[in-house]
Amino acid sequence: PYIAKLGPDTLDETTTAAEVEARTLSAPFRRRQFATLLLDQGFLGGIGNYLRTEILYVACIHPGQRPTDCTPEQIAAFAEAALVLPQQSYRHNGITNDLALAAHLKQTGYRRRDYRHWAFGRQGQPCHRCGETITKIMIGGRRCYICPQCQSVSRS
């Protein structure tokens, strides 16, 4: 059945970053682009389009990269973000941005859609880390938002 084919649940607090790292670098997954890999529920369960954008942004990974293209530090950051962001989003009404930054932006008059995420849906706005303009790209017919500076393919 379908349920037997699901990957580890990102909301399951017993799933560890080490398990996600090992899975990411395993033969079935290491040569696939992160953009499509993250939407495969057989890889990790519970990741949708906005979490895909946010996880890759936090890990400084371009969606076109594959695990084999990344540094060990990027893979570690990816594994951590793949668990922390879904859990934070679940607990905080969909907020994936740094919680202190989101609270500050909210207090200064930002709209929810502008403080909720690091990158998703923020096309044309400055990156919260470097100030570069967030851009929207289409991959596999799905929108994905990136910071061209923080997620440059040349960073790996």
Protein backbone atom coordinates (compact mmCIF):
# COMPACT_ATOMS: atom_id res chain seq x y z
CA PRO A 1 0.00 0.00 0.00
CA TYR A 2 0.89 3.66 -0.42
CA ILE A 3 1.56 4.27 3.28
CA ALA A 4 4.30 1.63 3.29
CA LYS A 5 6.15 3.62 0.62
CA LEU A 6 6.23 6.90 2.57
CA GLY A 7 9.56 8.20 3.77
CA PRO A 8 10.20 9.27 7.37
CA ASP A 9 7.65 11.73 8.73
CA THR A 10 9.26 15.14 9.24
CA LEU A 11 6.89 15.81 12.14
CA ASP A 12 7.99 12.67 13.98
CA GLU A 13 10.35 13.93 16.67
CA THR A 14 12.14 10.58 16.79
CA THR A 15 13.45 11.11 13.25
CA THR A 16 17.01 12.42 13.52
CA ALA A 17 19.09 14.70 11.32
CA ALA A 18 21.64 11.88 11.00
CA GLU A 19 18.92 9.63 9.53
CA VAL A 20 17.92 12.34 7.06
CA GLU A 21 21.57 12.89 6.06
CA ALA A 22 22.09 9.16 5.47
CA ARG A 23 18.86 8.91 3.47
CA THR A 24 19.77 11.98 1.39
CA LEU A 25 23.14 10.49 0.46
CA SER A 26 21.78 6.98 -0.19
CA ALA A 27 21.79 5.51 -3.70
CA PRO A 28 18.09 6.03 -4.51
CA PHE A 29 18.21 9.76 -3.72
CA ARG A 30 21.72 11.25 -3.99
CA ARG A 31 21.62 11.95 -7.74
CA ARG A 32 18.20 13.58 -7.87
CA GLN A 33 17.65 17.35 -7.92
CA PHE A 34 16.51 18.68 -4.57
CA ALA A 35 13.61 20.46 -6.31
CA THR A 36 11.93 17.18 -7.22
CA LEU A 37 13.39 15.06 -4.43
CA LEU A 38 11.72 17.11 -1.70
CA LEU A 39 8.27 16.70 -3.23
CA ASP A 40 8.69 12.90 -3.34
CA GLN A 41 6.81 11.62 -0.29
CA GLY A 42 8.85 8.42 -0.55
CA PHE A 43 11.93 10.46 0.38
CA LEU A 44 10.53 12.45 3.30
CA GLY A 45 6.87 12.55 4.26
CA GLY A 46 5.10 15.83 4.77
CA ILE A 47 7.10 18.21 2.58
CA GLY A 48 5.08 20.35 0.19
CA ASN A 49 5.94 23.24 -2.07
CA TYR A 50 6.37 26.03 0.48
CA LEU A 51 8.42 23.84 2.82
CA ARG A 52 10.61 22.80 -0.12
CA THR A 53 11.46 26.44 -0.82
CA GLU A 54 12.10 27.22 2.83
CA ILE A 55 14.26 24.17 3.59
CA LEU A 56 16.49 24.81 0.58
CA TYR A 57 16.77 28.50 1.44
CA VAL A 58 17.80 27.83 5.05
CA ALA A 59 20.35 25.22 3.90
CA CYS A 60 21.73 27.58 1.19
CA ILE A 61 21.07 24.98 -1.52
CA HIS A 62 19.88 25.84 -5.03
CA PRO A 63 16.86 23.71 -6.05
CA GLY A 64 18.73 22.49 -9.13
CA GLN A 65 21.52 20.96 -7.06
CA ARG A 66 21.69 17.29 -6.21
CA PRO A 67 22.92 15.89 -2.90
CA THR A 68 26.08 14.72 -4.69
CA ASP A 69 26.75 18.36 -5.68
CA CYS A 70 26.69 19.60 -2.08
CA THR A 71 29.27 19.99 0.64
CA PRO A 72 28.96 17.96 3.85
CA GLU A 73 28.04 21.21 5.61
CA GLN A 74 25.17 21.82 3.18
CA ILE A 75 23.88 18.27 3.65
CA ALA A 76 24.00 18.69 7.44
CA ALA A 77 22.20 22.05 7.20
CA PHE A 78 19.64 20.49 4.86
CA ALA A 79 18.96 17.56 7.21
CA GLU A 80 18.50 19.89 10.17
CA ALA A 81 16.21 22.28 8.24
CA ALA A 82 14.17 19.36 6.84
CA LEU A 83 13.16 18.49 10.40
CA VAL A 84 13.12 21.86 12.18
CA LEU A 85 11.09 23.85 9.64
CA PRO A 86 8.10 21.48 9.27
CA GLN A 87 7.89 21.15 13.06
CA GLN A 88 8.14 24.92 13.57
CA SER A 89 5.56 25.54 10.85
CA TYR A 90 3.17 23.06 12.47
CA ARG A 91 3.54 24.65 15.91
CA HIS A 92 3.49 28.29 14.79
CA ASN A 93 0.65 28.51 12.29
CA GLY A 94 2.76 28.13 9.16
CA ILE A 95 5.62 30.46 10.09
CA THR A 96 8.95 29.16 8.78
CA ASN A 97 10.91 32.38 9.20
CA ASP A 98 13.04 32.96 12.28
CA LEU A 99 10.43 33.46 15.01
CA ALA A 100 12.11 36.52 16.55
CA LEU A 101 12.48 38.12 13.11
CA ALA A 102 8.86 37.31 12.25
CA ALA A 103 7.68 38.90 15.52
CA HIS A 104 9.79 42.00 14.87
CA LEU A 105 8.54 42.35 11.29
CA LYS A 106 4.95 41.92 12.47
CA GLN A 107 5.40 44.64 15.10
CA THR A 108 6.84 47.02 12.51
CA GLY A 109 3.77 46.67 10.29
CA TYR A 110 4.66 43.92 7.85
CA ARG A 111 1.76 41.85 6.54
CA ARG A 112 1.64 38.17 7.43
CA ARG A 113 2.53 37.10 3.90
CA ASP A 114 5.67 39.25 4.12
CA TYR A 115 6.94 37.99 7.49
CA ARG A 116 5.77 34.36 7.46
CA HIS A 117 8.50 32.88 5.24
CA TRP A 118 12.18 33.33 4.50
CA ALA A 119 11.69 33.14 0.71
CA PHE A 120 8.41 31.50 -0.35
CA GLY A 121 6.06 34.00 -1.99
CA ARG A 122 8.52 36.88 -1.48
CA GLN A 123 9.45 37.48 -5.14
CA GLY A 124 10.91 40.96 -5.64
CA GLN A 125 11.53 41.52 -1.92
CA PRO A 126 14.95 41.63 -0.25
CA CYS A 127 16.47 38.52 1.27
CA HIS A 128 16.35 38.68 5.08
CA ARG A 129 19.99 37.51 5.23
CA CYS A 130 21.87 39.34 2.46
CA GLY A 131 19.48 41.89 0.94
CA GLU A 132 19.58 40.39 -2.58
CA THR A 133 16.20 40.29 -4.35
CA ILE A 134 14.25 37.03 -3.98
CA THR A 135 13.39 35.56 -7.38
CA LYS A 136 10.79 33.03 -8.51
CA ILE A 137 11.77 30.11 -10.69
CA MET A 138 9.62 27.34 -12.11
CA ILE A 139 10.79 23.76 -11.69
CA GLY A 140 8.63 20.86 -12.79
CA GLY A 141 5.67 23.20 -13.20
CA ARG A 142 5.88 24.32 -9.55
CA ARG A 143 7.03 27.68 -8.28
CA CYS A 144 10.10 27.90 -6.12
CA TYR A 145 11.62 31.04 -4.64
CA ILE A 146 15.34 31.55 -4.16
CA CYS A 147 17.90 34.10 -3.12
CA PRO A 148 20.39 34.16 -6.02
CA GLN A 149 23.18 35.14 -3.60
CA CYS A 150 22.53 32.76 -0.69
CA GLN A 151 21.56 29.83 -2.94
CA SER A 152 24.09 30.23 -5.72
CA VAL A 153 25.13 26.94 -7.32
CA SER A 154 28.75 28.14 -7.06
CA ARG A 155 28.49 28.15 -3.23
CA SER A 156 28.86 24.36 -3.12
